[in-house]
Structures are given as C-alpha cells and as structure tokens.
Amino acid sequence: MADTMQFDLVSPERKLASGQAVSVLIPGADGDLTAMPDHAPVVTTLRPGILVVEMEGETQEFAVTGGFAQVTAEGATVLADEALPKAEVATELLEDRISAATAARDGAEGAALDDAAKRLADLEALRDALA
C-alpha cells in the first residue's frame, strides 16, 4: 500500500494545488468523503464547502462552491467550479453567491425548489465555516 497519492485541484482560472497527498477530505454532494491512497474508484459532485488536503507535511484548506471529484487508487482530481485557498476567500464573494442562490430559490418550484434551497443552505454553511 502506498503512503501517498497524486492530488490535483483545478478551477477554471488556475491550478490551485498539485502534489503527493496523504488524504483529501472532499465535500461531496451526498456527504463528505475522505480519499486516501488505494481508495476505491468513485466520482462525485461537490457541494459548497471546505476541501482539506494533507500534503507535503501540512494541511491545506480550500473553499469550493461546486464541481466534480474523481478518486482512483492512484489519486484524486478535483475540478472545482470556483476554488480559493480558505485564507483568500472574501466575505463579499460569498455574499454575492448567497444572494444569487436566494434569488434562484425564490424563483424555483417543485424539485428545483429543493435543489435551490439545498444550494443556499450549503453556501450559508460555507460562510459560517469561514467566519
């Protein structure tokens, strides 16, 4: 069993992290998941939350707003809609996302209402985690 795995975190703007990781805590849409070396293959969508990577002797935290993660026995790749190091997240950025999610929820009906309400709750939880 390997002690590390390849990890890559990419957003449309840039590559945020790449290297050998011991573990990656992923905020999956169906719940958090910790990827480790030799993990069973899985693909999941991301919910807004904090992605935590133990890499190169330190823990790094990133705020993500959505996207996808692919985990294999060799590594984990996260393709985030938006991602920033936790320390760089501005309150205004999240407030803008929360305002947009509130408007989407208020204009939704049926099953779309449930999805919009969940996204809003996840964004609010992310804001609270960053406070």
Protein backbone atom coordinates (compact mmCIF):
# COMPACT_ATOMS: atom_id res chain seq x y z
CA MET A 1 0.00 0.00 0.00
CA ALA A 2 1.35 3.40 -0.98
CA ASP A 3 1.69 6.14 1.65
CA THR A 4 0.71 8.96 -0.71
CA MET A 5 -1.36 9.57 -3.82
CA GLN A 6 -1.33 12.19 -6.55
CA PHE A 7 -3.68 15.09 -5.83
CA ASP A 8 -4.73 17.89 -8.17
CA LEU A 9 -7.16 20.76 -7.51
CA VAL A 10 -8.09 22.80 -10.57
CA SER A 11 -10.55 25.64 -11.13
CA PRO A 12 -11.30 27.29 -14.48
CA GLU A 13 -8.90 30.10 -13.56
CA ARG A 14 -5.88 28.11 -12.33
CA LYS A 15 -4.35 25.04 -10.79
CA LEU A 16 -4.52 25.58 -7.02
CA ALA A 17 -2.68 22.50 -5.76
CA SER A 18 -0.78 19.54 -7.12
CA GLY A 19 1.40 17.04 -5.33
CA GLN A 20 1.57 13.93 -3.20
CA ALA A 21 -1.20 13.81 -0.59
CA VAL A 22 -1.82 11.54 2.38
CA SER A 23 -5.55 12.30 2.47
CA VAL A 24 -8.17 14.59 0.94
CA LEU A 25 -11.45 15.46 2.68
CA ILE A 26 -13.93 16.18 -0.11
CA PRO A 27 -17.29 17.96 0.45
CA GLY A 28 -19.35 15.64 -1.72
CA ALA A 29 -22.94 16.35 -2.67
CA ASP A 30 -24.04 13.18 -0.85
CA GLY A 31 -21.78 13.77 2.15
CA ASP A 32 -18.13 14.27 3.00
CA LEU A 33 -15.66 11.66 1.82
CA THR A 34 -12.02 11.14 2.69
CA ALA A 35 -9.87 9.91 -0.18
CA MET A 36 -6.67 8.08 0.71
CA PRO A 37 -4.11 6.05 -1.25
CA ASP A 38 -5.59 2.86 -2.75
CA HIS A 39 -9.15 4.24 -2.42
CA ALA A 40 -11.87 2.52 -4.40
CA PRO A 41 -12.73 4.43 -7.60
CA VAL A 42 -15.52 6.96 -7.22
CA VAL A 43 -16.79 10.08 -8.97
CA THR A 44 -18.87 12.60 -7.05
CA THR A 45 -20.24 16.08 -7.46
CA LEU A 46 -19.13 18.70 -4.95
CA ARG A 47 -21.28 20.84 -2.72
CA PRO A 48 -20.10 24.21 -1.41
CA GLY A 49 -17.73 23.51 1.45
CA ILE A 50 -14.16 23.23 2.68
CA LEU A 51 -11.81 20.79 0.93
CA VAL A 52 -8.97 19.72 3.26
CA VAL A 53 -5.73 18.23 1.92
CA GLU A 54 -2.93 16.72 3.97
CA MET A 55 0.01 17.18 1.62
CA GLU A 56 3.75 17.58 1.92
CA GLY A 57 3.70 17.63 5.72
CA GLU A 58 1.00 20.29 6.09
CA THR A 59 -2.75 20.70 5.95
CA GLN A 60 -4.16 22.97 3.26
CA GLU A 61 -7.77 24.14 3.15
CA PHE A 62 -9.69 25.39 0.13
CA ALA A 63 -13.21 26.78 -0.21
CA VAL A 64 -15.06 25.25 -3.16
CA THR A 65 -18.51 26.16 -4.48
CA GLY A 66 -19.20 23.09 -6.60
CA GLY A 67 -17.72 20.88 -9.29
CA PHE A 68 -16.62 17.25 -9.51
CA ALA A 69 -14.10 14.95 -7.86
CA GLN A 70 -12.66 11.75 -9.28
CA VAL A 71 -10.89 9.38 -6.91
CA THR A 72 -8.91 6.34 -8.02
CA ALA A 73 -6.41 4.05 -6.30
CA GLU A 74 -3.63 6.28 -7.71
CA GLY A 75 -5.01 9.66 -6.71
CA ALA A 76 -7.73 12.30 -6.57
CA THR A 77 -8.55 15.06 -9.02
CA VAL A 78 -10.94 17.85 -8.08
CA LEU A 79 -12.38 20.05 -10.83
CA ALA A 80 -13.98 22.91 -8.93
CA ASP A 81 -16.41 25.47 -10.34
CA GLU A 82 -14.77 28.00 -8.05
CA ALA A 83 -11.99 27.39 -5.54
CA LEU A 84 -9.76 29.57 -3.39
CA PRO A 85 -7.41 28.95 -0.51
CA LYS A 86 -9.52 29.35 2.62
CA ALA A 87 -7.50 32.37 3.77
CA GLU A 88 -8.19 34.23 0.50
CA VAL A 89 -11.99 33.96 0.48
CA ALA A 90 -13.59 37.39 0.71
CA THR A 91 -16.89 37.75 2.53
CA GLU A 92 -18.26 39.77 -0.41
CA LEU A 93 -17.67 36.84 -2.78
CA LEU A 94 -19.77 34.50 -0.67
CA GLU A 95 -22.45 37.11 -0.05
CA ASP A 96 -22.79 37.53 -3.83
CA ARG A 97 -23.18 33.76 -4.25
CA ILE A 98 -25.70 33.62 -1.38
CA SER A 99 -27.74 36.47 -2.91
CA ALA A 100 -27.83 34.67 -6.26
CA ALA A 101 -28.81 31.39 -4.58
CA THR A 102 -31.57 33.17 -2.62
CA ALA A 103 -32.98 34.63 -5.84
CA ALA A 104 -32.82 31.20 -7.52
CA ARG A 105 -34.66 29.61 -4.59
CA ASP A 106 -37.31 32.32 -4.55
CA GLY A 107 -38.00 31.77 -8.26
CA ALA A 108 -37.99 27.97 -8.16
CA GLU A 109 -40.85 25.50 -7.95
CA GLY A 110 -41.18 21.77 -7.36
CA ALA A 111 -38.00 19.69 -7.35
CA ALA A 112 -35.95 22.70 -8.46
CA LEU A 113 -37.01 24.44 -5.24
CA ASP A 114 -35.47 21.64 -3.16
CA ASP A 115 -32.20 21.83 -5.12
CA ALA A 116 -32.06 25.62 -4.83
CA ALA A 117 -32.80 25.52 -1.09
CA LYS A 118 -30.04 22.93 -0.58
CA ARG A 119 -27.50 25.03 -2.50
CA LEU A 120 -28.44 28.10 -0.46
CA ALA A 121 -28.07 26.16 2.81
CA ASP A 122 -24.68 24.79 1.71
CA LEU A 123 -23.42 28.29 0.80
CA GLU A 124 -24.60 29.66 4.13
CA ALA A 125 -22.84 26.79 5.94
CA LEU A 126 -19.66 27.56 3.99
CA ARG A 127 -19.90 31.22 5.02
CA ASP A 128 -20.34 30.18 8.65
CA ALA A 129 -17.34 27.81 8.42
CA LEU A 130 -15.18 30.65 7.14
CA ALA A 131 -16.28 33.12 9.83
